[in-house]
Amino acid sequence: MKWRYVCITLLVVATAPACVPAINALGGALAPAMGLPSGGHARLAWDLGWLLLSAFATVWLPARWSPLWPRGLAVGLAGLWMGAAAWAAWNMGSDFAAWFVVAVLVGVPIVVCAAAWLGGSRRKR
C-alpha cells in the first residue's frame, strides 16, 4: 500500500463530512434569494432537498474518489446517515411535520444507496 493512496483516502474521508454543512449552508443562503419565507412547508421541502443532496454527496465522494476501500467507506457513511435519520425521527419527530419525518426516513436510504451505486459504477475495475 502506497502512502499516497492513504493520504488521498484520508483527504476524501475528511472532505466527505464537510459537504454536509457546506451544502446545507448553500441551500439556506439561496432560500431568501428564491423568495422562500423562513418557515412553512415550502421552506421545509426546500431544506429537505438540500439535506438529501448533502447525504448524496457525503456517500458519493468516497465511493467515487477514494483509492482505498471505496465500498467500505461508502457503506459506512451510508449506515451513519441512515442511523442519523432514524435518530432524528425518534428524537425530533414532533418538532417537524409528519410528512417531513417520513420523507427523511424514506429518502435518506434511497439517496445514500443511489450514491454508493453511482459512485462505484464509474470506477475502473
Protein backbone atom coordinates (compact mmCIF):
# COMPACT_ATOMS: atom_id res chain seq x y z
CA MET A 1 0.00 0.00 0.00
CA LYS A 2 1.43 3.31 -1.02
CA TRP A 3 1.33 6.30 1.32
CA ARG A 4 -0.03 8.40 -1.49
CA TYR A 5 -3.21 6.30 -1.57
CA VAL A 6 -3.54 6.51 2.19
CA CYS A 7 -3.23 10.30 2.12
CA ILE A 8 -5.79 10.65 -0.67
CA THR A 9 -8.19 8.36 1.17
CA LEU A 10 -7.79 10.39 4.37
CA LEU A 11 -8.41 13.59 2.42
CA VAL A 12 -11.58 12.14 0.89
CA VAL A 13 -12.78 10.89 4.27
CA ALA A 14 -12.20 14.33 5.79
CA THR A 15 -13.85 16.13 2.89
CA ALA A 16 -16.99 13.98 2.70
CA PRO A 17 -18.50 15.00 6.07
CA ALA A 18 -17.55 18.62 5.38
CA CYS A 19 -20.05 18.51 2.49
CA VAL A 20 -22.96 18.39 4.94
CA PRO A 21 -22.68 21.86 6.47
CA ALA A 22 -21.37 23.38 3.23
CA ILE A 23 -24.26 22.15 1.08
CA ASN A 24 -26.89 22.92 3.72
CA ALA A 25 -25.46 26.41 4.23
CA LEU A 26 -25.64 26.98 0.48
CA GLY A 27 -29.29 25.92 0.49
CA GLY A 28 -30.01 28.18 3.44
CA ALA A 29 -28.34 31.12 1.74
CA LEU A 30 -30.19 30.57 -1.53
CA ALA A 31 -33.64 30.32 0.09
CA PRO A 32 -34.12 34.08 0.63
CA ALA A 33 -32.90 34.73 -2.91
CA MET A 34 -35.60 32.37 -4.16
CA GLY A 35 -38.20 34.26 -2.15
CA LEU A 36 -38.91 31.46 0.33
CA PRO A 37 -40.17 32.54 3.75
CA SER A 38 -38.25 31.43 6.81
CA GLY A 39 -40.95 28.97 7.87
CA GLY A 40 -43.70 26.83 6.43
CA HIS A 41 -43.99 23.76 4.28
CA ALA A 42 -42.28 25.24 1.23
CA ARG A 43 -39.16 26.05 3.21
CA LEU A 44 -39.24 22.65 4.90
CA ALA A 45 -39.38 20.96 1.48
CA TRP A 46 -36.52 23.18 0.29
CA ASP A 47 -34.40 22.21 3.28
CA LEU A 48 -35.27 18.53 2.77
CA GLY A 49 -33.92 18.70 -0.77
CA TRP A 50 -30.63 20.17 0.40
CA LEU A 51 -30.39 17.62 3.20
CA LEU A 52 -30.80 14.79 0.69
CA LEU A 53 -28.26 16.41 -1.63
CA SER A 54 -25.72 16.60 1.21
CA ALA A 55 -26.38 12.94 2.07
CA PHE A 56 -25.79 12.02 -1.57
CA ALA A 57 -22.53 13.98 -1.77
CA THR A 58 -21.22 12.56 1.50
CA VAL A 59 -21.59 8.98 0.31
CA TRP A 60 -20.80 9.52 -3.37
CA LEU A 61 -17.47 11.24 -2.75
CA PRO A 62 -15.65 8.28 -1.16
CA ALA A 63 -17.42 5.75 -3.40
CA ARG A 64 -16.10 7.57 -6.46
CA TRP A 65 -12.75 9.05 -5.44
CA SER A 66 -11.26 7.03 -2.59
CA PRO A 67 -8.40 4.83 -3.84
CA LEU A 68 -8.60 2.54 -0.79
CA TRP A 69 -11.76 0.83 0.49
CA PRO A 70 -14.27 2.86 -1.53
CA ARG A 71 -17.17 0.47 -0.97
CA GLY A 72 -16.46 0.09 2.72
CA LEU A 73 -16.27 3.83 3.25
CA ALA A 74 -19.43 4.45 1.24
CA VAL A 75 -21.35 1.73 3.07
CA GLY A 76 -20.11 3.00 6.44
CA LEU A 77 -21.15 6.57 5.69
CA ALA A 78 -24.48 5.36 4.31
CA GLY A 79 -25.05 3.48 7.56
CA LEU A 80 -24.23 6.61 9.55
CA TRP A 81 -26.72 8.61 7.51
CA MET A 82 -29.47 6.02 7.98
CA GLY A 83 -28.77 5.85 11.69
CA ALA A 84 -28.83 9.63 11.95
CA ALA A 85 -32.15 9.74 10.09
CA ALA A 86 -33.65 7.18 12.46
CA TRP A 87 -32.30 9.05 15.49
CA ALA A 88 -33.69 12.34 14.20
CA ALA A 89 -37.10 10.81 13.55
CA TRP A 90 -37.16 9.29 17.01
CA ASN A 91 -35.99 12.35 18.93
CA MET A 92 -37.26 15.28 16.90
CA GLY A 93 -40.31 13.86 15.16
CA SER A 94 -42.87 16.05 16.92
CA ASP A 95 -40.93 19.22 16.09
CA PHE A 96 -41.44 18.79 12.33
CA ALA A 97 -44.35 17.98 10.07
CA ALA A 98 -45.13 14.27 9.76
CA TRP A 99 -44.52 14.29 6.00
CA PHE A 100 -41.03 15.68 6.58
CA VAL A 101 -40.11 12.92 9.04
CA VAL A 102 -41.43 10.24 6.68
CA ALA A 103 -39.59 11.83 3.75
CA VAL A 104 -36.33 11.77 5.70
CA LEU A 105 -36.82 8.14 6.77
CA VAL A 106 -37.63 7.06 3.21
CA GLY A 107 -35.46 9.49 1.25
CA VAL A 108 -32.16 9.11 3.06
CA PRO A 109 -31.78 5.34 2.46
CA ILE A 110 -32.76 5.74 -1.20
CA VAL A 111 -30.36 8.63 -1.76
CA VAL A 112 -27.37 7.08 0.01
CA CYS A 113 -27.83 3.73 -1.74
CA ALA A 114 -28.04 5.52 -5.09
CA ALA A 115 -24.91 7.50 -4.24
CA ALA A 116 -22.96 4.36 -3.32
CA TRP A 117 -24.10 2.65 -6.51
CA LEU A 118 -23.45 5.61 -8.81
CA GLY A 119 -20.10 6.39 -7.21
CA GLY A 120 -18.92 2.81 -7.60
CA SER A 121 -20.34 2.23 -11.07
CA ARG A 122 -17.91 4.63 -12.81
CA ARG A 123 -14.76 3.31 -11.16
CA LYS A 124 -12.16 1.45 -13.18
CA ARG A 125 -12.09 -2.21 -12.25
